[in-house]
Amino acid sequence: MVNRPRAAAGRPQAGLEVEEKLLTSNIHAANRTNLRTVKRSGYRHAMTLEPWSTEQAERLIAPLGNRWVPVQAFARQAGRVAASFSAAGDVLVAAAFLHDVGCASSLNRLGFHPVDGTHFLRDNGQERLACLVAHHSGARFEAEERGLVNSWPPSADGG
């Protein structure tokens, strides 16, 4: 075991300060990237990922009735877990809100909600969320059962 010098009370060690600065700069870079994506999606004012996903989920899933309550519960649980993921926490909560967005009848293309939701998210410039939605709940295996394996994973070009 290597003896490492202890930091003075209340001050992190020098190595930890560097790691903290790197982590903070990565978080800020990720937030800037998400903000640019939301700005490109046609909103006049920038909106962060979580409010955008909540708005979309409520607009598309709430009318389905019995699906909206479990989606909200899932998103609340994701919010509790998200605290452990710093930079990716907002993506986790957004994915929780939108994981069933493909169930909306207005988005139904193939009748397979992970793929239909993926297309919607890609159309709105949300590639990272699209990847998470595409692969939730063992969707790959169900795609095989439905004979959709040739179009799996759902590609950005509509496949």
C-alpha atoms as a PDB file:
ATOM      1  CA  MET A   1       0.000   0.000   0.000  1.00  0.00           C
ATOM      2  CA  VAL A   2       1.328   3.408  -0.984  1.00  0.00           C
ATOM      3  CA  ASN A   3       1.174   6.201   1.539  1.00  0.00           C
ATOM      4  CA  ARG A   4      -0.291   9.275  -0.114  1.00  0.00           C
ATOM      5  CA  PRO A   5      -0.108  12.694   1.455  1.00  0.00           C
ATOM      6  CA  ARG A   6      -3.341  13.777   3.078  1.00  0.00           C
ATOM      7  CA  ALA A   7      -4.932  17.027   2.048  1.00  0.00           C
ATOM      8  CA  ALA A   8      -5.490  19.806   4.517  1.00  0.00           C
ATOM      9  CA  ALA A   9      -8.966  19.792   6.029  1.00  0.00           C
ATOM     10  CA  GLY A  10     -11.507  21.055   3.550  1.00  0.00           C
ATOM     11  CA  ARG A  11      -9.105  21.065   0.572  1.00  0.00           C
ATOM     12  CA  PRO A  12      -8.830  18.280  -2.007  1.00  0.00           C
ATOM     13  CA  GLN A  13      -5.450  16.953  -3.002  1.00  0.00           C
ATOM     14  CA  ALA A  14      -3.809  18.535  -6.069  1.00  0.00           C
ATOM     15  CA  GLY A  15      -4.518  15.465  -8.225  1.00  0.00           C
ATOM     16  CA  LEU A  16      -8.177  15.580  -7.308  1.00  0.00           C
ATOM     17  CA  GLU A  17      -8.347  19.286  -8.214  1.00  0.00           C
ATOM     18  CA  VAL A  18      -7.117  18.444 -11.719  1.00  0.00           C
ATOM     19  CA  GLU A  19      -9.637  15.604 -12.072  1.00  0.00           C
ATOM     20  CA  GLU A  20     -12.414  17.856 -10.807  1.00  0.00           C
ATOM     21  CA  LYS A  21     -11.509  20.567 -13.350  1.00  0.00           C
ATOM     22  CA  LEU A  22     -11.465  18.000 -16.172  1.00  0.00           C
ATOM     23  CA  LEU A  23     -14.817  16.584 -15.107  1.00  0.00           C
ATOM     24  CA  THR A  24     -16.331  20.054 -14.811  1.00  0.00           C
ATOM     25  CA  SER A  25     -15.054  21.089 -18.254  1.00  0.00           C
ATOM     26  CA  ASN A  26     -16.436  17.850 -19.758  1.00  0.00           C
ATOM     27  CA  ILE A  27     -19.829  18.523 -18.161  1.00  0.00           C
ATOM     28  CA  HIS A  28     -19.860  22.063 -19.533  1.00  0.00           C
ATOM     29  CA  ALA A  29     -18.882  20.797 -23.002  1.00  0.00           C
ATOM     30  CA  ALA A  30     -21.671  18.200 -22.940  1.00  0.00           C
ATOM     31  CA  ASN A  31     -24.189  20.828 -21.862  1.00  0.00           C
ATOM     32  CA  ARG A  32     -23.090  23.156 -24.689  1.00  0.00           C
ATOM     33  CA  THR A  33     -23.516  20.299 -27.179  1.00  0.00           C
ATOM     34  CA  ASN A  34     -27.022  19.501 -25.876  1.00  0.00           C
ATOM     35  CA  LEU A  35     -27.943  23.181 -26.009  1.00  0.00           C
ATOM     36  CA  ARG A  36     -26.817  23.457 -29.656  1.00  0.00           C
ATOM     37  CA  THR A  37     -28.910  20.392 -30.514  1.00  0.00           C
ATOM     38  CA  VAL A  38     -31.999  21.839 -28.864  1.00  0.00           C
ATOM     39  CA  LYS A  39     -31.456  25.207 -30.589  1.00  0.00           C
ATOM     40  CA  ARG A  40     -31.248  23.416 -33.956  1.00  0.00           C
ATOM     41  CA  SER A  41     -34.510  21.610 -33.241  1.00  0.00           C
ATOM     42  CA  GLY A  42     -36.512  24.772 -33.953  1.00  0.00           C
ATOM     43  CA  TYR A  43     -37.186  26.252 -30.532  1.00  0.00           C
ATOM     44  CA  ARG A  44     -36.891  30.018 -30.337  1.00  0.00           C
ATOM     45  CA  HIS A  45     -35.427  29.856 -26.876  1.00  0.00           C
ATOM     46  CA  ALA A  46     -32.949  27.244 -25.763  1.00  0.00           C
ATOM     47  CA  MET A  47     -34.496  24.510 -23.669  1.00  0.00           C
ATOM     48  CA  THR A  48     -32.547  21.945 -21.707  1.00  0.00           C
ATOM     49  CA  LEU A  49     -32.930  18.284 -22.525  1.00  0.00           C
ATOM     50  CA  GLU A  50     -35.071  17.238 -19.572  1.00  0.00           C
ATOM     51  CA  PRO A  51     -37.820  19.859 -20.054  1.00  0.00           C
ATOM     52  CA  TRP A  52     -37.861  19.170 -23.810  1.00  0.00           C
ATOM     53  CA  SER A  53     -38.227  15.426 -23.247  1.00  0.00           C
ATOM     54  CA  THR A  54     -40.901  15.955 -20.591  1.00  0.00           C
ATOM     55  CA  GLU A  55     -42.869  18.197 -22.948  1.00  0.00           C
ATOM     56  CA  GLN A  56     -42.618  15.717 -25.823  1.00  0.00           C
ATOM     57  CA  ALA A  57     -43.543  12.758 -23.631  1.00  0.00           C
ATOM     58  CA  GLU A  58     -46.544  14.542 -22.171  1.00  0.00           C
ATOM     59  CA  ARG A  59     -47.715  15.660 -25.615  1.00  0.00           C
ATOM     60  CA  LEU A  60     -47.333  12.216 -27.210  1.00  0.00           C
ATOM     61  CA  ILE A  61     -47.751   9.677 -24.389  1.00  0.00           C
ATOM     62  CA  ALA A  62     -50.251  11.317 -22.009  1.00  0.00           C
ATOM     63  CA  PRO A  63     -53.111  10.929 -24.518  1.00  0.00           C
ATOM     64  CA  LEU A  64     -52.520   7.160 -24.426  1.00  0.00           C
ATOM     65  CA  GLY A  65     -53.948   7.089 -20.901  1.00  0.00           C
ATOM     66  CA  ASN A  66     -52.651   4.086 -18.982  1.00  0.00           C
ATOM     67  CA  ARG A  67     -49.082   4.418 -20.312  1.00  0.00           C
ATOM     68  CA  TRP A  68     -48.429   7.953 -19.002  1.00  0.00           C
ATOM     69  CA  VAL A  69     -48.510   7.159 -15.247  1.00  0.00           C
ATOM     70  CA  PRO A  70     -45.834   4.410 -15.430  1.00  0.00           C
ATOM     71  CA  VAL A  71     -43.667   6.608 -17.672  1.00  0.00           C
ATOM     72  CA  GLN A  72     -43.788   9.377 -15.064  1.00  0.00           C
ATOM     73  CA  ALA A  73     -42.899   6.915 -12.294  1.00  0.00           C
ATOM     74  CA  PHE A  74     -40.019   5.565 -14.353  1.00  0.00           C
ATOM     75  CA  ALA A  75     -38.728   9.098 -14.962  1.00  0.00           C
ATOM     76  CA  ARG A  76     -38.933   9.914 -11.230  1.00  0.00           C
ATOM     77  CA  GLN A  77     -36.880   6.808 -10.447  1.00  0.00           C
ATOM     78  CA  ALA A  78     -34.380   7.763 -13.152  1.00  0.00           C
ATOM     79  CA  GLY A  79     -34.117  11.201 -11.542  1.00  0.00           C
ATOM     80  CA  ARG A  80     -33.131   9.587  -8.250  1.00  0.00           C
ATOM     81  CA  VAL A  81     -30.476   7.478  -9.966  1.00  0.00           C
ATOM     82  CA  ALA A  82     -29.312  10.375 -12.181  1.00  0.00           C
ATOM     83  CA  ALA A  83     -27.741  12.141  -9.220  1.00  0.00           C
ATOM     84  CA  SER A  84     -24.951   9.553  -9.389  1.00  0.00           C
ATOM     85  CA  PHE A  85     -24.155  10.219 -13.044  1.00  0.00           C
ATOM     86  CA  SER A  86     -23.457  13.979 -13.090  1.00  0.00           C
ATOM     87  CA  ALA A  87     -23.084  14.819 -16.809  1.00  0.00           C
ATOM     88  CA  ALA A  88     -25.250  11.974 -18.111  1.00  0.00           C
ATOM     89  CA  GLY A  89     -28.037  12.395 -15.568  1.00  0.00           C
ATOM     90  CA  ASP A  90     -30.155  14.622 -17.786  1.00  0.00           C
ATOM     91  CA  VAL A  91     -29.872  12.084 -20.614  1.00  0.00           C
ATOM     92  CA  LEU A  92     -30.973   9.291 -18.295  1.00  0.00           C
ATOM     93  CA  VAL A  93     -34.077  11.189 -17.188  1.00  0.00           C
ATOM     94  CA  ALA A  94     -34.867  12.249 -20.771  1.00  0.00           C
ATOM     95  CA  ALA A  95     -34.562   8.640 -21.970  1.00  0.00           C
ATOM     96  CA  ALA A  96     -36.852   7.519 -19.154  1.00  0.00           C
ATOM     97  CA  PHE A  97     -39.503  10.010 -20.248  1.00  0.00           C
ATOM     98  CA  LEU A  98     -39.167   9.095 -23.927  1.00  0.00           C
ATOM     99  CA  HIS A  99     -38.550   5.338 -23.878  1.00  0.00           C
ATOM    100  CA  ASP A 100     -42.165   4.637 -24.914  1.00  0.00           C
ATOM    101  CA  VAL A 101     -42.670   7.650 -27.183  1.00  0.00           C
ATOM    102  CA  GLY A 102     -42.943   5.338 -30.186  1.00  0.00           C
ATOM    103  CA  CYS A 103     -46.276   4.093 -28.811  1.00  0.00           C
ATOM    104  CA  ALA A 104     -47.908   7.345 -29.921  1.00  0.00           C
ATOM    105  CA  SER A 105     -50.192   6.630 -32.859  1.00  0.00           C
ATOM    106  CA  SER A 106     -48.881   9.693 -34.707  1.00  0.00           C
ATOM    107  CA  LEU A 107     -45.378   8.142 -34.718  1.00  0.00           C
ATOM    108  CA  ASN A 108     -46.381   4.609 -35.681  1.00  0.00           C
ATOM    109  CA  ARG A 109     -44.422   3.535 -38.778  1.00  0.00           C
ATOM    110  CA  LEU A 110     -43.571  -0.111 -38.137  1.00  0.00           C
ATOM    111  CA  GLY A 111     -45.793  -0.898 -35.168  1.00  0.00           C
ATOM    112  CA  PHE A 112     -42.669  -1.537 -33.074  1.00  0.00           C
ATOM    113  CA  HIS A 113     -42.338   1.299 -30.575  1.00  0.00           C
ATOM    114  CA  PRO A 114     -38.543   1.225 -29.961  1.00  0.00           C
ATOM    115  CA  VAL A 115     -37.908   1.778 -33.678  1.00  0.00           C
ATOM    116  CA  ASP A 116     -40.776   4.238 -34.146  1.00  0.00           C
ATOM    117  CA  GLY A 117     -39.543   6.258 -31.150  1.00  0.00           C
ATOM    118  CA  THR A 118     -36.001   6.163 -32.515  1.00  0.00           C
ATOM    119  CA  HIS A 119     -37.120   7.706 -35.788  1.00  0.00           C
ATOM    120  CA  PHE A 120     -38.942  10.501 -33.937  1.00  0.00           C
ATOM    121  CA  LEU A 121     -35.907  11.319 -31.803  1.00  0.00           C
ATOM    122  CA  ARG A 122     -33.534  11.329 -34.764  1.00  0.00           C
ATOM    123  CA  ASP A 123     -35.914  13.586 -36.670  1.00  0.00           C
ATOM    124  CA  ASN A 124     -35.579  15.988 -33.724  1.00  0.00           C
ATOM    125  CA  GLY A 125     -31.775  15.873 -33.582  1.00  0.00           C
ATOM    126  CA  GLN A 126     -31.575  13.674 -30.467  1.00  0.00           C
ATOM    127  CA  GLU A 127     -29.189  10.921 -31.597  1.00  0.00           C
ATOM    128  CA  ARG A 128     -28.016   9.949 -28.120  1.00  0.00           C
ATOM    129  CA  LEU A 129     -31.585   9.543 -26.884  1.00  0.00           C
ATOM    130  CA  ALA A 130     -32.483   7.691 -30.072  1.00  0.00           C
ATOM    131  CA  CYS A 131     -29.809   5.089 -29.359  1.00  0.00           C
ATOM    132  CA  LEU A 132     -31.079   4.536 -25.823  1.00  0.00           C
ATOM    133  CA  VAL A 133     -34.704   4.256 -26.914  1.00  0.00           C
ATOM    134  CA  ALA A 134     -33.795   1.895 -29.761  1.00  0.00           C
ATOM    135  CA  HIS A 135     -32.169  -0.584 -27.411  1.00  0.00           C
ATOM    136  CA  HIS A 136     -34.455  -0.582 -24.376  1.00  0.00           C
ATOM    137  CA  SER A 137     -36.234  -3.682 -23.074  1.00  0.00           C
ATOM    138  CA  GLY A 138     -34.360  -6.200 -25.199  1.00  0.00           C
ATOM    139  CA  ALA A 139     -35.752  -4.646 -28.373  1.00  0.00           C
ATOM    140  CA  ARG A 140     -33.080  -6.353 -30.487  1.00  0.00           C
ATOM    141  CA  PHE A 141     -34.477  -9.772 -29.631  1.00  0.00           C
ATOM    142  CA  GLU A 142     -38.045  -8.727 -30.280  1.00  0.00           C
ATOM    143  CA  ALA A 143     -36.943  -7.271 -33.630  1.00  0.00           C
ATOM    144  CA  GLU A 144     -35.658 -10.730 -34.543  1.00  0.00           C
ATOM    145  CA  GLU A 145     -38.994 -12.292 -33.556  1.00  0.00           C
ATOM    146  CA  ARG A 146     -40.883  -9.767 -35.686  1.00  0.00           C
ATOM    147  CA  GLY A 147     -38.650 -10.282 -38.704  1.00  0.00           C
ATOM    148  CA  LEU A 148     -37.235  -6.766 -38.464  1.00  0.00           C
ATOM    149  CA  VAL A 149     -33.646  -7.882 -37.954  1.00  0.00           C
ATOM    150  CA  ASN A 150     -32.604  -6.613 -41.398  1.00  0.00           C
ATOM    151  CA  SER A 151     -33.389  -3.072 -40.309  1.00  0.00           C
ATOM    152  CA  TRP A 152     -31.714  -3.440 -36.903  1.00  0.00           C
ATOM    153  CA  PRO A 153     -30.280  -1.416 -35.352  1.00  0.00           C
ATOM    154  CA  PRO A 154     -32.437   1.424 -36.588  1.00  0.00           C
ATOM    155  CA  SER A 155     -30.046   3.585 -38.558  1.00  0.00           C
ATOM    156  CA  ALA A 156     -29.961   7.338 -38.878  1.00  0.00           C
ATOM    157  CA  ASP A 157     -30.883   7.037 -42.572  1.00  0.00           C
ATOM    158  CA  GLY A 158     -34.294   5.559 -41.747  1.00  0.00           C
ATOM    159  CA  GLY A 159     -33.389   1.847 -41.905  1.00  0.00           C
END
